[in-house]
């Protein structure tokens, strides 16, 4: 907003690979509308040049640097952006909500892991916390271990060929990604949750991933911050409507 309320929470919305902040903002007018209704501040930053192809990407994990430059320091960039929003609008630097799609989801994971004092919650849509270097290399490049508890919402399409919901190599893909359930349990374990007490609901036992419906895995028992996985039936590599 032009005139944000004092101490307003901040939403950082991160585009996918080869994207740009302005294009992501155009596609996510629903997110803009909802944040402005709350009187919050929302920002759509742009990453740095992709290593391959055009557009911008995020350095979303320690190694290997598969899509963005290793010297990008995107986590430092987002920290600086939070400081700038505080200086300009008086926004609350302890109530930062970061969300992202695909490569932006991976960056949301990384920023939450490295800056838990800033990040109140992270929402990762259509992205993963780990993937291999190559198709047959099982040494995963992972989101860094979280430095503190952060509430996390994982949203993945159950019909996503690019980021398979149950993990594996995408068709004609160069690398393998981790299953959505692993992403959720990674954060749940970091938050001290009782993994055995996970609450499962919805379409877990449906074999047809193209079936409409939603499954949820919710971790709250023993957690310093809650974690939830939402699997969306029939959704490919896209932001759910």
Protein backbone atom coordinates (compact mmCIF):
# COMPACT_ATOMS: atom_id res chain seq x y z
CA UNK A 1 0.00 0.00 0.00
CA UNK A 2 1.02 3.62 -0.40
CA UNK A 3 0.29 4.22 3.29
CA UNK A 4 0.87 1.08 5.32
CA UNK A 5 -0.36 0.85 8.88
CA UNK A 6 2.39 1.17 11.51
CA UNK A 7 3.89 -2.17 12.54
CA UNK A 8 2.08 -3.89 9.67
CA UNK A 9 3.16 -7.48 8.95
CA UNK A 10 5.16 -8.05 5.76
CA UNK A 11 4.41 -10.62 3.05
CA UNK A 12 7.27 -11.49 0.69
CA UNK A 13 6.05 -13.28 -2.46
CA UNK A 14 8.78 -15.00 -4.50
CA UNK A 15 8.38 -15.89 -8.19
CA UNK A 16 9.44 -19.16 -9.80
CA UNK A 17 12.49 -19.82 -11.97
CA UNK A 18 12.84 -17.56 -15.06
CA UNK A 19 10.21 -15.26 -13.57
CA UNK A 20 10.11 -11.69 -12.28
CA UNK A 21 8.48 -9.94 -9.35
CA UNK A 22 6.23 -7.77 -11.52
CA UNK A 23 4.90 -10.75 -13.50
CA UNK A 24 4.30 -12.71 -10.31
CA UNK A 25 2.41 -9.77 -8.83
CA UNK A 26 0.23 -9.61 -11.94
CA UNK A 27 -0.58 -13.31 -11.57
CA UNK A 28 -1.18 -13.09 -7.83
CA UNK A 29 -3.69 -10.27 -7.61
CA UNK A 30 -5.65 -12.43 -5.13
CA UNK A 31 -2.68 -12.33 -2.77
CA UNK A 32 -2.41 -8.56 -3.16
CA UNK A 33 -6.12 -8.10 -2.49
CA UNK A 34 -6.09 -10.24 0.65
CA UNK A 35 -2.99 -8.62 2.14
CA UNK A 36 -4.26 -5.10 1.50
CA UNK A 37 -7.59 -5.99 3.09
CA UNK A 38 -5.64 -6.90 6.21
CA UNK A 39 -3.69 -3.65 6.08
CA UNK A 40 -0.43 -5.54 5.59
CA UNK A 41 2.55 -4.76 3.36
CA UNK A 42 3.23 -7.08 0.40
CA UNK A 43 6.35 -7.09 -1.78
CA UNK A 44 7.19 -9.01 -4.96
CA UNK A 45 10.99 -8.96 -5.27
CA UNK A 46 12.92 -10.20 -8.31
CA UNK A 47 15.80 -12.66 -8.01
CA UNK A 48 19.09 -12.57 -9.91
CA UNK A 49 19.87 -13.81 -13.42
CA UNK A 50 19.36 -17.52 -13.97
CA UNK A 51 22.40 -19.60 -14.85
CA UNK A 52 20.50 -21.08 -17.78
CA UNK A 53 17.99 -19.26 -19.91
CA UNK A 54 16.38 -15.88 -19.42
CA UNK A 55 14.68 -14.33 -16.46
CA UNK A 56 15.48 -14.39 -12.76
CA UNK A 57 16.04 -17.25 -10.33
CA UNK A 58 16.67 -17.75 -6.62
CA UNK A 59 19.67 -19.35 -4.92
CA UNK A 60 17.35 -21.59 -2.93
CA UNK A 61 19.79 -24.02 -1.28
CA UNK A 62 23.43 -24.33 -0.28
CA UNK A 63 24.65 -26.63 -3.06
CA UNK A 64 24.71 -27.44 -5.85
CA UNK A 65 23.91 -24.11 -7.44
CA UNK A 66 21.59 -25.46 -10.10
CA UNK A 67 19.58 -22.45 -11.25
CA UNK A 68 21.02 -19.26 -9.72
CA UNK A 69 24.47 -17.76 -9.25
CA UNK A 70 26.35 -18.96 -6.19
CA UNK A 71 27.32 -15.37 -5.29
CA UNK A 72 23.76 -14.02 -5.38
CA UNK A 73 23.22 -13.93 -1.57
CA UNK A 74 19.47 -13.86 -2.02
CA UNK A 75 18.90 -14.44 1.69
CA UNK A 76 20.91 -11.28 2.38
CA UNK A 77 18.88 -9.46 -0.27
CA UNK A 78 15.59 -10.42 1.42
CA UNK A 79 16.94 -9.35 4.82
CA UNK A 80 17.83 -5.97 3.29
CA UNK A 81 14.37 -5.72 1.74
CA UNK A 82 12.75 -6.29 5.14
CA UNK A 83 14.91 -3.53 6.62
CA UNK A 84 13.99 -1.21 3.76
CA UNK A 85 10.26 -1.84 4.22
CA UNK A 86 10.64 -1.10 7.92
CA UNK A 87 12.50 2.14 7.18
CA UNK A 88 9.97 3.25 4.56
CA UNK A 89 6.68 2.09 6.10
CA UNK A 90 7.46 1.20 9.72
CA UNK A 91 6.61 -2.44 8.93
CA UNK A 92 7.05 -5.07 11.64
CA UNK A 93 10.32 -6.93 11.10
CA UNK A 94 9.25 -9.71 13.49
CA UNK A 95 6.12 -10.55 11.49
CA UNK A 96 7.43 -11.49 8.06
CA UNK A 97 5.47 -14.07 6.10
CA UNK A 98 7.34 -15.49 3.11
CA UNK A 99 5.70 -17.44 0.32
CA UNK A 100 6.90 -18.59 -3.07
CA UNK A 101 6.15 -20.81 -6.03
CA UNK A 102 8.47 -23.55 -7.37
CA UNK A 103 12.03 -22.15 -7.20
CA UNK A 104 10.53 -19.34 -5.09
CA UNK A 105 9.14 -21.96 -2.70
CA UNK A 106 12.64 -23.34 -2.27
CA UNK A 107 13.85 -19.82 -1.51
CA UNK A 108 11.03 -19.37 1.01
CA UNK A 109 12.30 -22.52 2.75
CA UNK A 110 15.85 -21.23 2.76
CA UNK A 111 14.98 -17.76 4.04
CA UNK A 112 12.81 -19.22 6.81
CA UNK A 113 15.63 -21.58 7.81
CA UNK A 114 18.26 -18.84 7.90
CA UNK A 115 16.16 -16.02 9.35
CA UNK A 116 13.67 -17.51 11.84
CA UNK A 117 13.84 -14.37 13.98
CA UNK A 118 12.31 -12.46 11.06
CA UNK A 119 10.05 -15.11 9.55
CA UNK A 120 6.83 -15.86 11.43
CA UNK A 121 5.67 -18.40 8.85
CA UNK A 122 6.54 -19.75 5.40
CA UNK A 123 4.21 -21.04 2.69
CA UNK A 124 5.94 -23.11 -0.01
CA UNK A 125 3.82 -23.80 -3.10
CA UNK A 126 4.92 -26.29 -5.75
CA UNK A 127 8.52 -26.43 -4.54
CA UNK A 128 10.81 -28.81 -2.69
CA UNK A 129 13.31 -28.72 0.14
CA UNK A 130 15.75 -31.08 -1.53
CA UNK A 131 16.86 -32.49 -4.87
CA UNK A 132 19.78 -34.40 -6.30
CA UNK A 133 22.56 -33.06 -8.47
CA UNK A 134 21.82 -35.48 -11.28
CA UNK A 135 19.27 -38.14 -12.06
CA UNK A 136 21.34 -40.95 -10.49
CA UNK A 137 23.11 -38.93 -7.76
CA UNK A 138 21.41 -39.50 -4.40
CA UNK A 139 23.43 -36.85 -2.58
CA UNK A 140 20.62 -34.37 -1.96
CA UNK A 141 21.12 -30.61 -1.98
CA UNK A 142 18.99 -29.57 0.95
CA UNK A 143 17.44 -26.54 2.52
CA UNK A 144 19.85 -25.53 5.32
CA UNK A 145 18.95 -26.83 8.80
CA UNK A 146 16.58 -24.29 10.41
CA UNK A 147 18.22 -22.00 12.95
CA UNK A 148 14.98 -21.82 14.94
CA UNK A 149 11.28 -22.77 14.85
CA UNK A 150 9.11 -21.48 12.01
CA UNK A 151 5.50 -22.31 11.18
CA UNK A 152 5.43 -23.89 7.70
CA UNK A 153 2.67 -24.67 5.21
CA UNK A 154 3.64 -27.01 2.34
CA UNK A 155 1.33 -26.96 -0.71
CA UNK A 156 1.98 -29.41 -3.55
CA UNK A 157 -0.06 -30.60 -6.52
CA UNK A 158 -0.64 -34.35 -6.57
CA UNK A 159 -0.49 -34.34 -10.37
CA UNK A 160 2.74 -32.31 -10.61
CA UNK A 161 5.19 -33.88 -13.09
CA UNK A 162 7.88 -31.27 -12.44
CA UNK A 163 7.85 -31.71 -8.64
CA UNK A 164 6.31 -35.18 -8.16
CA UNK A 165 4.16 -35.27 -5.05
CA UNK A 166 5.51 -38.64 -3.96
CA UNK A 167 9.06 -37.82 -5.00
CA UNK A 168 11.20 -39.16 -7.82
CA UNK A 169 12.49 -38.06 -11.21
CA UNK A 170 10.23 -35.99 -13.41
CA UNK A 171 9.72 -37.21 -17.02
CA UNK A 172 12.88 -36.42 -19.01
CA UNK A 173 14.19 -34.73 -15.88
CA UNK A 174 17.82 -34.27 -14.87
CA UNK A 175 17.33 -34.63 -11.12
CA UNK A 176 15.24 -36.32 -8.45
CA UNK A 177 13.14 -34.40 -5.92
CA UNK A 178 12.00 -35.34 -2.44
CA UNK A 179 8.40 -36.22 -1.66
CA UNK A 180 6.11 -33.55 -0.25
CA UNK A 181 5.65 -35.59 2.93
CA UNK A 182 9.41 -35.47 3.50
CA UNK A 183 9.43 -31.67 3.23
CA UNK A 184 6.73 -31.48 5.90
CA UNK A 185 8.39 -33.98 8.24
CA UNK A 186 11.76 -32.19 7.80
CA UNK A 187 10.25 -29.01 9.25
CA UNK A 188 8.14 -30.86 11.81
CA UNK A 189 11.23 -32.59 13.20
CA UNK A 190 13.12 -29.28 13.29
CA UNK A 191 10.19 -27.76 15.22
CA UNK A 192 10.26 -30.56 17.79
CA UNK A 193 6.94 -32.08 16.71
CA UNK A 194 5.94 -35.62 17.61
CA UNK A 195 6.17 -37.16 14.13
CA UNK A 196 4.16 -40.20 15.20
CA UNK A 197 1.22 -37.95 16.14
CA UNK A 198 0.73 -36.57 12.63
CA UNK A 199 -2.96 -36.05 11.82
CA UNK A 200 -3.84 -37.25 8.31
CA UNK A 201 -7.08 -36.40 6.59
CA UNK A 202 -8.51 -36.43 3.08
CA UNK A 203 -7.54 -38.33 -0.06
CA UNK A 204 -4.43 -40.12 1.24
CA UNK A 205 -5.54 -43.51 -0.01
CA UNK A 206 -6.75 -42.47 -3.47
CA UNK A 207 -4.54 -43.91 -6.20
CA UNK A 208 -5.69 -41.53 -8.93
CA UNK A 209 -3.73 -38.32 -8.47
CA UNK A 210 -6.06 -36.57 -10.92
CA UNK A 211 -8.98 -36.95 -8.54
CA UNK A 212 -10.17 -33.64 -7.17
CA UNK A 213 -9.80 -33.30 -3.44
CA UNK A 214 -7.33 -32.35 -0.77
CA UNK A 215 -5.26 -34.35 1.68
CA UNK A 216 -3.67 -32.82 4.76
CA UNK A 217 -0.91 -33.90 7.13
CA UNK A 218 -0.91 -31.72 10.25
CA UNK A 219 1.79 -31.67 12.90
CA UNK A 220 0.96 -29.87 16.13
CA UNK A 221 1.70 -32.24 19.03
CA UNK A 222 4.84 -31.10 20.83
CA UNK A 223 5.62 -28.48 18.17
CA UNK A 224 7.32 -25.18 18.91
CA UNK A 225 5.66 -24.09 15.64
CA UNK A 226 3.03 -26.03 13.65
CA UNK A 227 3.56 -27.62 10.23
CA UNK A 228 0.97 -28.65 7.67
CA UNK A 229 1.12 -30.35 4.29
CA UNK A 230 -1.72 -29.77 1.83
CA UNK A 231 -1.79 -32.05 -1.21
CA UNK A 232 -4.17 -30.85 -3.93
CA UNK A 233 -5.66 -33.57 -6.11
CA UNK A 234 -5.69 -32.87 -9.84
CA UNK A 235 -3.26 -29.96 -9.54
CA UNK A 236 -0.12 -29.90 -11.67
CA UNK A 237 2.82 -27.53 -11.37
CA UNK A 238 0.69 -24.49 -10.60
CA UNK A 239 -0.56 -22.20 -7.86
CA UNK A 240 -3.95 -23.56 -6.67
CA UNK A 241 -6.99 -21.38 -7.21
